[in-house]
Protein backbone atom coordinates (compact mmCIF):
# COMPACT_ATOMS: atom_id res chain seq x y z
CA UNK A 1 -69.52 154.80 55.32
CA UNK A 2 -67.29 153.27 58.72
CA UNK A 3 -63.66 152.45 58.09
CA UNK A 4 -63.89 148.39 59.15
CA UNK A 5 -60.98 147.13 62.01
CA UNK A 6 -57.83 145.99 61.21
CA UNK A 7 -58.95 142.54 63.30
CA UNK A 8 -61.77 142.30 61.16
CA UNK A 9 -59.51 142.63 57.53
CA UNK A 10 -56.80 140.34 59.20
CA UNK A 11 -59.99 137.44 58.94
CA UNK A 12 -60.05 138.04 55.02
CA UNK A 13 -56.06 138.79 53.93
CA UNK A 14 -54.74 135.68 52.84
CA UNK A 15 -52.92 133.51 55.39
CA UNK A 16 -49.12 134.45 55.49
CA UNK A 17 -48.23 132.55 58.10
CA UNK A 18 -45.53 129.93 56.60
CA UNK A 19 -43.04 131.32 53.97
CA UNK A 20 -42.93 130.03 50.49
CA UNK A 21 -39.38 127.88 51.32
CA UNK A 22 -41.10 126.45 54.17
CA UNK A 23 -44.70 126.08 52.37
CA UNK A 24 -42.21 124.34 49.69
CA UNK A 25 -40.35 122.12 51.60
CA UNK A 26 -43.57 120.77 53.44
CA UNK A 27 -45.13 120.15 49.62
CA UNK A 28 -42.08 117.96 49.34
CA UNK A 29 -42.20 115.97 53.14
CA UNK A 30 -46.13 115.14 52.12
CA UNK A 31 -45.21 114.21 48.48
CA UNK A 32 -42.84 111.62 49.78
CA UNK A 33 -44.20 110.64 52.31
CA UNK A 34 -47.78 109.63 50.51
CA UNK A 35 -45.43 107.63 48.22
CA UNK A 36 -43.91 105.91 50.55
CA UNK A 37 -47.09 105.25 52.75
CA UNK A 38 -48.40 103.69 48.76
CA UNK A 39 -45.40 101.14 48.64
CA UNK A 40 -45.77 100.06 52.01
CA UNK A 41 -49.80 99.01 51.57
CA UNK A 42 -47.99 97.83 47.91
CA UNK A 43 -45.24 95.55 49.67
CA UNK A 44 -47.90 94.26 52.69
CA UNK A 45 -49.56 91.36 50.32
CA UNK A 46 -46.36 90.27 49.94
CA UNK A 47 -44.81 89.98 53.58
CA UNK A 48 -48.38 88.24 54.41
CA UNK A 49 -47.33 85.56 51.88
CA UNK A 50 -43.65 85.86 52.63
CA UNK A 51 -45.44 84.95 56.70
CA UNK A 52 -48.09 82.45 55.83
CA UNK A 53 -44.73 81.19 53.76
CA UNK A 54 -43.07 80.76 57.20
CA UNK A 55 -46.01 79.78 59.03
CA UNK A 56 -46.70 76.64 56.65
CA UNK A 57 -43.19 75.66 56.67
CA UNK A 58 -43.29 75.48 60.30
CA UNK A 59 -46.12 73.87 60.65
CA UNK A 60 -44.69 70.67 58.45
CA UNK A 61 -41.80 70.61 60.39
């Protein structure tokens, strides 16, 4: 049976392009980004109410 060339072996090998430390940092950044996005979505209705109240108050003036 012929030997498999190295260029074909690398396609099936595990990806080691990112070190464990960098991978951990990326995970932390993604978690922080998702929490920040969730917080922004949760605060959006409150901000909309303030804008509407300000517009109504300005219309009455």
